[in-house]
Amino acid sequence: MWIGMGVVLIVIGAVLNWALQVDVPGVTDGILGWILIVAGVAAIIFSFIAQAQRNRVHSTHETRHISTGE
């Protein structure tokens, strides 16, 4: 899920940065695009870190043998 959102943010940021001329008060040209690109890369990196944490979990199986004393 995070990878898809990261890719979408990167694409929107690239379009805003290089394809469109957007005049947002208080934000210089291209900064909004770069912010979205960095947020998309961060989302993808977060996704890989979260997946690595899920794969690191191990479970143990314990078997006990009870002797009847015979």
N, C-alpha and C. Protein backbone atom coordinates (compact mmCIF):
# COMPACT_ATOMS: atom_id res chain seq x y z
N MET A 1 0.82 -1.19 0.00
CA MET A 1 0.00 0.00 0.00
C MET A 1 0.87 1.26 0.00
N TRP A 2 1.90 1.27 0.83
CA TRP A 2 2.76 2.44 0.92
C TRP A 2 3.57 2.65 -0.37
N ILE A 3 3.92 1.56 -1.03
CA ILE A 3 4.68 1.69 -2.27
C ILE A 3 3.83 2.38 -3.33
N GLY A 4 2.59 1.99 -3.45
CA GLY A 4 1.69 2.62 -4.42
C GLY A 4 1.48 4.09 -4.13
N MET A 5 1.29 4.43 -2.85
CA MET A 5 1.12 5.82 -2.49
C MET A 5 2.40 6.61 -2.76
N GLY A 6 3.55 5.99 -2.52
CA GLY A 6 4.82 6.66 -2.79
C GLY A 6 5.00 6.95 -4.26
N VAL A 7 4.64 5.99 -5.10
CA VAL A 7 4.75 6.19 -6.55
C VAL A 7 3.81 7.31 -7.01
N VAL A 8 2.60 7.32 -6.48
CA VAL A 8 1.64 8.37 -6.85
C VAL A 8 2.17 9.74 -6.43
N LEU A 9 2.73 9.84 -5.22
CA LEU A 9 3.28 11.12 -4.78
C LEU A 9 4.45 11.57 -5.65
N ILE A 10 5.29 10.62 -6.05
CA ILE A 10 6.42 10.97 -6.91
C ILE A 10 5.93 11.47 -8.27
N VAL A 11 4.93 10.79 -8.82
CA VAL A 11 4.40 11.21 -10.13
C VAL A 11 3.75 12.59 -10.04
N ILE A 12 2.94 12.82 -9.03
CA ILE A 12 2.30 14.13 -8.88
C ILE A 12 3.36 15.20 -8.66
N GLY A 13 4.36 14.91 -7.85
CA GLY A 13 5.43 15.87 -7.61
C GLY A 13 6.21 16.18 -8.87
N ALA A 14 6.48 15.16 -9.68
CA ALA A 14 7.21 15.38 -10.93
C ALA A 14 6.39 16.22 -11.91
N VAL A 15 5.10 15.97 -11.98
CA VAL A 15 4.24 16.76 -12.86
C VAL A 15 4.20 18.21 -12.39
N LEU A 16 4.05 18.41 -11.08
CA LEU A 16 4.02 19.78 -10.57
C LEU A 16 5.36 20.48 -10.75
N ASN A 17 6.44 19.72 -10.65
CA ASN A 17 7.77 20.33 -10.72
C ASN A 17 8.19 20.67 -12.15
N TRP A 18 7.94 19.77 -13.09
CA TRP A 18 8.48 19.94 -14.43
C TRP A 18 7.45 20.22 -15.52
N ALA A 19 6.19 19.84 -15.33
CA ALA A 19 5.23 19.97 -16.42
C ALA A 19 4.28 21.16 -16.25
N LEU A 20 4.00 21.55 -15.04
CA LEU A 20 3.03 22.62 -14.81
C LEU A 20 3.71 23.82 -14.18
N GLN A 21 3.15 24.97 -14.42
CA GLN A 21 3.58 26.19 -13.74
C GLN A 21 2.47 26.56 -12.75
N VAL A 22 2.68 26.23 -11.49
CA VAL A 22 1.68 26.47 -10.45
C VAL A 22 2.15 27.63 -9.60
N ASP A 23 1.28 28.61 -9.42
CA ASP A 23 1.61 29.75 -8.57
C ASP A 23 0.84 29.62 -7.26
N VAL A 24 1.54 29.14 -6.24
CA VAL A 24 0.96 29.01 -4.91
C VAL A 24 1.57 30.10 -4.04
N PRO A 25 0.73 30.93 -3.41
CA PRO A 25 1.28 32.01 -2.58
C PRO A 25 2.13 31.45 -1.44
N GLY A 26 3.31 31.99 -1.24
CA GLY A 26 4.18 31.58 -0.15
C GLY A 26 5.09 30.42 -0.47
N VAL A 27 4.96 29.82 -1.65
CA VAL A 27 5.79 28.68 -2.05
C VAL A 27 6.45 29.03 -3.37
N THR A 28 7.77 28.88 -3.44
CA THR A 28 8.46 29.17 -4.69
C THR A 28 8.18 28.08 -5.72
N ASP A 29 8.46 28.38 -6.98
CA ASP A 29 8.18 27.43 -8.06
C ASP A 29 8.96 26.14 -7.86
N GLY A 30 8.30 25.04 -7.97
CA GLY A 30 8.94 23.74 -7.91
C GLY A 30 9.11 23.16 -6.53
N ILE A 31 9.00 23.98 -5.49
CA ILE A 31 9.21 23.46 -4.13
C ILE A 31 8.12 22.47 -3.76
N LEU A 32 6.88 22.76 -4.12
CA LEU A 32 5.79 21.84 -3.82
C LEU A 32 6.02 20.50 -4.51
N GLY A 33 6.50 20.52 -5.74
CA GLY A 33 6.80 19.28 -6.45
C GLY A 33 7.89 18.49 -5.76
N TRP A 34 8.96 19.18 -5.35
CA TRP A 34 10.06 18.49 -4.66
C TRP A 34 9.62 17.93 -3.31
N ILE A 35 8.74 18.64 -2.61
CA ILE A 35 8.23 18.13 -1.34
C ILE A 35 7.47 16.83 -1.56
N LEU A 36 6.64 16.79 -2.60
CA LEU A 36 5.88 15.57 -2.90
C LEU A 36 6.79 14.43 -3.34
N ILE A 37 7.83 14.74 -4.10
CA ILE A 37 8.78 13.71 -4.53
C ILE A 37 9.49 13.12 -3.32
N VAL A 38 9.96 13.96 -2.42
CA VAL A 38 10.66 13.48 -1.22
C VAL A 38 9.70 12.68 -0.34
N ALA A 39 8.45 13.12 -0.22
CA ALA A 39 7.46 12.37 0.57
C ALA A 39 7.20 11.00 -0.06
N GLY A 40 7.16 10.93 -1.38
CA GLY A 40 6.97 9.65 -2.06
C GLY A 40 8.12 8.70 -1.84
N VAL A 41 9.34 9.22 -1.93
CA VAL A 41 10.52 8.38 -1.67
C VAL A 41 10.52 7.91 -0.22
N ALA A 42 10.17 8.80 0.71
CA ALA A 42 10.10 8.42 2.12
C ALA A 42 9.05 7.33 2.35
N ALA A 43 7.92 7.41 1.68
CA ALA A 43 6.87 6.39 1.82
C ALA A 43 7.36 5.04 1.31
N ILE A 44 8.09 5.03 0.21
CA ILE A 44 8.61 3.77 -0.33
C ILE A 44 9.66 3.19 0.61
N ILE A 45 10.55 4.02 1.13
CA ILE A 45 11.57 3.54 2.08
C ILE A 45 10.90 3.01 3.34
N PHE A 46 9.88 3.71 3.84
CA PHE A 46 9.14 3.24 5.01
C PHE A 46 8.50 1.88 4.75
N SER A 47 7.99 1.70 3.55
CA SER A 47 7.37 0.42 3.20
C SER A 47 8.38 -0.72 3.25
N PHE A 48 9.59 -0.49 2.71
CA PHE A 48 10.61 -1.52 2.75
C PHE A 48 11.05 -1.82 4.18
N ILE A 49 11.17 -0.81 5.02
CA ILE A 49 11.56 -1.02 6.41
C ILE A 49 10.49 -1.79 7.15
N ALA A 50 9.23 -1.44 6.94
CA ALA A 50 8.14 -2.15 7.61
C ALA A 50 8.08 -3.61 7.16
N GLN A 51 8.31 -3.87 5.89
CA GLN A 51 8.31 -5.25 5.39
C GLN A 51 9.47 -6.04 5.99
N ALA A 52 10.62 -5.42 6.14
CA ALA A 52 11.76 -6.10 6.73
C ALA A 52 11.49 -6.44 8.20
N GLN A 53 10.78 -5.56 8.89
CA GLN A 53 10.43 -5.84 10.28
C GLN A 53 9.46 -7.01 10.38
N ARG A 54 8.52 -7.10 9.46
CA ARG A 54 7.57 -8.21 9.46
C ARG A 54 8.26 -9.53 9.17
N ASN A 55 9.27 -9.52 8.32
CA ASN A 55 9.97 -10.76 7.97
C ASN A 55 10.93 -11.20 9.05
N ARG A 56 11.28 -10.32 9.98
CA ARG A 56 12.24 -10.64 11.01
C ARG A 56 11.61 -11.40 12.18
N VAL A 57 10.31 -11.45 12.28
CA VAL A 57 9.62 -12.12 13.38
C VAL A 57 9.73 -13.63 13.18
N HIS A 58 10.19 -14.31 14.22
CA HIS A 58 10.31 -15.76 14.18
C HIS A 58 9.46 -16.36 15.28
N SER A 59 8.97 -17.53 15.02
CA SER A 59 8.19 -18.23 16.03
C SER A 59 8.92 -19.52 16.42
N THR A 60 8.72 -19.93 17.63
CA THR A 60 9.33 -21.17 18.10
C THR A 60 8.24 -22.16 18.44
N HIS A 61 8.59 -23.40 18.29
CA HIS A 61 7.66 -24.47 18.60
C HIS A 61 8.29 -25.33 19.68
N GLU A 62 7.58 -25.52 20.76
CA GLU A 62 8.10 -26.28 21.89
C GLU A 62 7.30 -27.56 22.03
N THR A 63 8.01 -28.67 22.14
CA THR A 63 7.37 -29.96 22.34
C THR A 63 7.83 -30.53 23.67
N ARG A 64 6.89 -30.92 24.49
CA ARG A 64 7.22 -31.52 25.79
C ARG A 64 6.76 -32.97 25.80
N HIS A 65 7.65 -33.80 26.23
CA HIS A 65 7.33 -35.22 26.38
C HIS A 65 7.17 -35.53 27.86
N ILE A 66 6.04 -36.05 28.21
CA ILE A 66 5.75 -36.36 29.61
C ILE A 66 5.93 -37.86 29.81
N SER A 67 6.79 -38.21 30.74
CA SER A 67 6.97 -39.63 31.00
C SER A 67 5.97 -40.06 32.08
N THR A 68 5.49 -41.29 31.93
CA THR A 68 4.47 -41.81 32.85
C THR A 68 5.11 -42.49 34.05
N GLY A 69 6.41 -42.59 34.10
CA GLY A 69 7.10 -43.18 35.24
C GLY A 69 7.21 -44.69 35.18
N GLU A 70 6.89 -45.30 34.11
CA GLU A 70 6.95 -46.76 34.00
C GLU A 70 8.25 -47.24 33.49
